[in-house]
Amino acid sequence: MIPINYQKYPFIAKIRHHVSSNNYLPINELNLLPENYPTPIKEINWNEVFINRKKANILDVGCGKGVFLISYALENPRDNILGIEIRTEAVDWINGVVNGEHIENCKALYYTVANGLPFVEENSIDKVFYLFPDPWPKRRHFRRRVFSINFLDEIYRVLKPDGKLYIATDVDYVNDFHIKTLNSFGKFSLKQNINAEEWNFPTTNKENFCIKKNIHIFKLICNKLNI
């Protein structure tokens, strides 16, 4: 695999860490729609998404600047990975790299998963990655957290019978929140002590930072239970 020369793809605009708080909420909870609110998507023509015209079988929810997304696509050419991101600048940059390098099995989508995943077919996804989400530490911001029973219900629906949800965070209370929510949902088995063979994936920008600073990373592998 030839590494990508990312210097060919400078960031045209600064990628914001946060966007409007309303963009993290489902459209049915909003009285006034923000101007930059991601368009809800009911259906997708996969022929128009990926260069190889195949369906997605991997999801990267909150793909950020796409380091993990693009690396995974290059290392796993038989998979089609769709990144979902709420910041337009990141989506535009990722897709610029994808198109420039003619990466057939990768794409980023400007969308908020607060509106579910109705465009993804039931039992069609092998893996879902949910890596280093914003912790939203203040209680008044908890409802902006994507991770919820509704979110897990959608992930469970789209995963294949043997599908897996992979979660990573460097924040202990966020990890506790994930475990509590998963246990309440009750349709995934949880594995917490993960070895390198079980988590043999590219690293994200955040993970690289944590490794460099010797910050502990909490990882979960959640197997779909056929209930």
Protein backbone atom coordinates (compact mmCIF):
# COMPACT_ATOMS: atom_id res chain seq x y z
CA MET A 1 0.00 0.00 0.00
CA ILE A 2 1.48 3.33 -1.08
CA PRO A 3 1.01 5.98 1.65
CA ILE A 4 -0.97 9.09 0.78
CA ASN A 5 0.91 12.36 0.52
CA TYR A 6 -1.53 14.47 2.56
CA GLN A 7 0.47 17.63 1.80
CA LYS A 8 -1.31 17.58 -1.56
CA TYR A 9 -4.58 18.19 0.30
CA PRO A 10 -4.21 21.22 2.58
CA PHE A 11 -7.16 22.23 4.70
CA ILE A 12 -8.86 25.15 2.97
CA ALA A 13 -10.87 26.08 6.05
CA LYS A 14 -10.30 25.53 9.75
CA ILE A 15 -12.28 22.56 10.99
CA ARG A 16 -14.35 23.62 13.96
CA HIS A 17 -14.34 21.45 17.07
CA HIS A 18 -18.02 22.18 17.69
CA VAL A 19 -20.97 23.10 15.51
CA SER A 20 -24.40 24.41 16.48
CA SER A 21 -25.74 22.49 19.47
CA ASN A 22 -29.03 21.95 17.59
CA ASN A 23 -27.20 19.87 14.99
CA TYR A 24 -26.79 17.16 17.62
CA LEU A 25 -30.55 16.89 18.15
CA PRO A 26 -33.15 15.05 16.04
CA ILE A 27 -35.15 17.21 13.69
CA ASN A 28 -38.44 16.39 15.45
CA GLU A 29 -37.16 18.12 18.62
CA LEU A 30 -36.40 21.42 16.90
CA ASN A 31 -38.83 24.30 16.63
CA LEU A 32 -36.54 26.21 14.29
CA LEU A 33 -34.19 24.46 11.88
CA PRO A 34 -30.66 25.92 11.85
CA GLU A 35 -29.40 27.08 8.47
CA ASN A 36 -26.56 24.51 8.47
CA TYR A 37 -28.57 21.58 9.84
CA PRO A 38 -27.63 18.34 7.98
CA THR A 39 -30.38 17.26 5.61
CA PRO A 40 -32.20 14.18 6.94
CA ILE A 41 -31.67 11.23 4.59
CA LYS A 42 -34.28 8.54 4.05
CA GLU A 43 -32.69 6.63 1.17
CA ILE A 44 -29.31 6.41 -0.52
CA ASN A 45 -28.41 5.19 -3.98
CA TRP A 46 -25.14 3.43 -3.18
CA ASN A 47 -24.19 3.48 -6.87
CA GLU A 48 -23.72 7.24 -6.45
CA VAL A 49 -21.77 7.07 -3.17
CA PHE A 50 -18.74 4.84 -3.65
CA ILE A 51 -16.56 4.78 -6.75
CA ASN A 52 -16.90 0.98 -6.84
CA ARG A 53 -20.72 1.41 -6.76
CA LYS A 54 -21.13 -1.13 -3.95
CA LYS A 55 -23.04 -0.81 -0.68
CA ALA A 56 -21.49 0.16 2.62
CA ASN A 57 -20.74 -2.69 5.01
CA ILE A 58 -18.69 -0.68 7.55
CA LEU A 59 -19.74 2.52 9.36
CA ASP A 60 -17.49 5.05 11.11
CA VAL A 61 -19.80 7.23 13.19
CA GLY A 62 -18.20 10.59 13.89
CA CYS A 63 -15.27 10.06 11.55
CA GLY A 64 -13.69 13.46 12.29
CA LYS A 65 -10.83 14.35 9.95
CA GLY A 66 -10.93 10.86 8.47
CA VAL A 67 -7.47 9.49 9.32
CA PHE A 68 -8.95 6.23 10.58
CA LEU A 69 -11.59 6.17 7.83
CA ILE A 70 -9.16 6.49 4.93
CA SER A 71 -6.54 4.18 6.46
CA TYR A 72 -9.14 1.49 7.09
CA ALA A 73 -10.36 1.72 3.48
CA LEU A 74 -6.84 1.35 2.11
CA GLU A 75 -6.03 -1.59 4.39
CA ASN A 76 -9.34 -3.36 3.72
CA PRO A 77 -10.11 -3.02 -0.01
CA ARG A 78 -12.89 -5.62 0.17
CA ASP A 79 -14.89 -3.47 2.59
CA ASN A 80 -16.85 -0.31 1.81
CA ILE A 81 -16.58 2.11 4.72
CA LEU A 82 -18.91 5.09 5.14
CA GLY A 83 -17.89 7.86 7.51
CA ILE A 84 -20.62 9.97 9.09
CA GLU A 85 -19.60 13.42 10.25
CA ILE A 86 -21.42 16.55 11.42
CA ARG A 87 -18.79 19.09 10.28
CA THR A 88 -18.96 20.04 6.61
CA GLU A 89 -15.32 21.13 6.43
CA ALA A 90 -14.15 17.67 7.49
CA VAL A 91 -16.50 15.91 5.06
CA ASP A 92 -15.40 18.07 2.15
CA TRP A 93 -11.71 17.50 2.92
CA ILE A 94 -12.10 13.72 3.30
CA ASN A 95 -13.99 13.40 0.05
CA GLY A 96 -11.40 15.57 -1.67
CA VAL A 97 -8.72 13.06 -0.66
CA VAL A 98 -10.93 10.10 -1.62
CA ASN A 99 -11.62 11.51 -5.07
CA GLY A 100 -8.07 12.74 -5.58
CA GLU A 101 -6.59 9.35 -4.73
CA HIS A 102 -9.43 7.43 -6.42
CA ILE A 103 -10.16 5.42 -3.26
CA GLU A 104 -13.01 3.22 -4.44
CA ASN A 105 -14.31 1.97 -1.08
CA CYS A 106 -14.47 5.07 1.09
CA LYS A 107 -16.76 8.09 1.46
CA ALA A 108 -17.76 10.64 4.09
CA LEU A 109 -21.36 11.76 4.56
CA TYR A 110 -22.50 15.07 6.07
CA TYR A 111 -25.21 13.87 8.43
CA THR A 112 -26.31 13.72 12.06
CA VAL A 113 -27.10 10.26 13.41
CA ALA A 114 -29.51 11.92 15.83
CA ASN A 115 -32.01 11.26 13.01
CA GLY A 116 -31.23 7.55 12.93
CA LEU A 117 -29.91 5.54 10.00
CA PRO A 118 -33.02 4.93 7.84
CA PHE A 119 -30.91 4.85 4.67
CA VAL A 120 -28.95 1.80 5.90
CA GLU A 121 -30.58 -1.55 5.30
CA GLU A 122 -31.36 -3.94 8.13
CA ASN A 123 -28.71 -6.64 8.76
CA SER A 124 -26.30 -5.13 6.21
CA ILE A 125 -23.33 -3.90 8.28
CA ASP A 126 -20.39 -5.96 9.55
CA LYS A 127 -18.76 -3.39 11.83
CA VAL A 128 -19.65 -0.03 13.35
CA PHE A 129 -16.91 2.17 14.82
CA TYR A 130 -17.70 4.83 17.41
CA LEU A 131 -14.31 6.24 18.34
CA PHE A 132 -13.45 9.03 20.77
CA PRO A 133 -16.76 10.90 20.82
CA ASP A 134 -17.01 14.35 22.36
CA PRO A 135 -17.54 13.71 26.10
CA TRP A 136 -20.03 16.57 26.62
CA PRO A 137 -19.12 16.66 30.34
CA LYS A 138 -21.72 19.17 31.56
CA ARG A 139 -25.06 17.69 32.59
CA ARG A 140 -27.02 20.26 30.58
CA HIS A 141 -25.20 18.99 27.47
CA PHE A 142 -25.87 15.28 28.03
CA ARG A 143 -28.66 15.22 25.47
CA ARG A 144 -26.11 16.13 22.77
CA ARG A 145 -24.41 12.78 23.29
CA VAL A 146 -25.17 10.53 20.35
CA PHE A 147 -24.87 7.41 22.47
CA SER A 148 -28.36 6.47 23.66
CA ILE A 149 -30.88 3.65 23.62
CA ASN A 150 -32.27 5.01 20.34
CA PHE A 151 -28.79 5.08 18.81
CA LEU A 152 -28.10 1.51 19.94
CA ASP A 153 -31.45 0.39 18.58
CA GLU A 154 -30.43 1.68 15.13
CA ILE A 155 -26.95 0.13 15.35
CA TYR A 156 -28.50 -3.19 16.36
CA ARG A 157 -30.93 -3.00 13.43
CA VAL A 158 -28.30 -2.38 10.75
CA LEU A 159 -25.70 -4.86 12.03
CA LYS A 160 -25.57 -8.36 10.62
CA PRO A 161 -26.33 -11.22 13.05
CA ASP A 162 -22.60 -11.57 13.79
CA GLY A 163 -21.90 -7.82 13.57
CA LYS A 164 -19.81 -5.85 16.06
CA LEU A 165 -19.80 -2.36 17.52
CA TYR A 166 -16.34 -1.01 18.42
CA ILE A 167 -16.12 1.83 20.94
CA ALA A 168 -13.11 3.78 22.20
CA THR A 169 -12.68 6.76 24.54
CA ASP A 170 -9.98 8.20 26.75
CA VAL A 171 -12.52 9.53 29.30
CA ASP A 172 -13.38 7.22 32.18
CA TYR A 173 -16.85 8.63 32.91
CA VAL A 174 -17.78 8.43 29.22
CA ASN A 175 -16.71 4.78 29.19
CA ASP A 176 -18.88 4.20 32.28
CA PHE A 177 -21.78 5.93 30.50
CA HIS A 178 -21.32 3.68 27.45
CA ILE A 179 -21.29 0.52 29.56
CA LYS A 180 -24.35 1.60 31.56
CA THR A 181 -26.30 2.42 28.39
CA LEU A 182 -25.27 -0.86 26.73
CA ASN A 183 -26.31 -2.86 29.77
CA SER A 184 -29.67 -1.07 29.83
CA PHE A 185 -30.15 -1.84 26.13
CA GLY A 186 -29.33 -5.50 26.74
CA LYS A 187 -28.83 -6.67 23.14
CA PHE A 188 -25.02 -6.67 22.97
CA SER A 189 -22.42 -8.71 24.77
CA LEU A 190 -19.51 -6.60 26.05
CA LYS A 191 -15.80 -7.34 26.04
CA GLN A 192 -13.59 -4.85 27.90
CA ASN A 193 -10.12 -6.39 28.12
CA ILE A 194 -9.09 -6.12 24.49
CA ASN A 195 -5.81 -7.40 23.10
CA ALA A 196 -4.00 -6.11 20.01
CA GLU A 197 -5.13 -9.05 17.89
CA GLU A 198 -8.79 -8.33 18.64
CA TRP A 199 -8.36 -4.63 17.86
CA ASN A 200 -6.15 -4.74 14.79
CA PHE A 201 -7.20 -1.46 13.21
CA PRO A 202 -5.59 1.81 12.14
CA THR A 203 -5.26 4.48 14.81
CA THR A 204 -7.13 7.78 14.93
CA ASN A 205 -5.57 11.20 15.51
CA LYS A 206 -6.88 11.12 19.07
CA GLU A 207 -5.53 7.63 19.70
CA ASN A 208 -2.10 8.67 18.45
CA PHE A 209 -2.19 11.62 20.87
CA CYS A 210 -3.17 9.37 23.78
CA ILE A 211 -0.41 6.90 22.99
CA LYS A 212 2.15 9.70 22.82
CA LYS A 213 0.99 11.18 26.15
CA ASN A 214 0.55 7.76 27.79
CA ILE A 215 -3.17 8.36 28.34
CA HIS A 216 -5.24 5.25 29.00
CA ILE A 217 -7.73 4.29 26.29
CA PHE A 218 -10.93 2.44 27.18
CA LYS A 219 -12.05 0.06 24.44
CA LEU A 220 -15.22 -2.01 24.11
CA ILE A 221 -16.14 -4.67 21.59
CA CYS A 222 -19.89 -5.22 21.53
CA ASN A 223 -21.23 -8.31 19.77
CA LYS A 224 -24.79 -8.28 18.51
CA LEU A 225 -26.94 -10.84 20.33
CA ASN A 226 -29.61 -12.55 18.29
CA ILE A 227 -32.55 -11.86 20.57
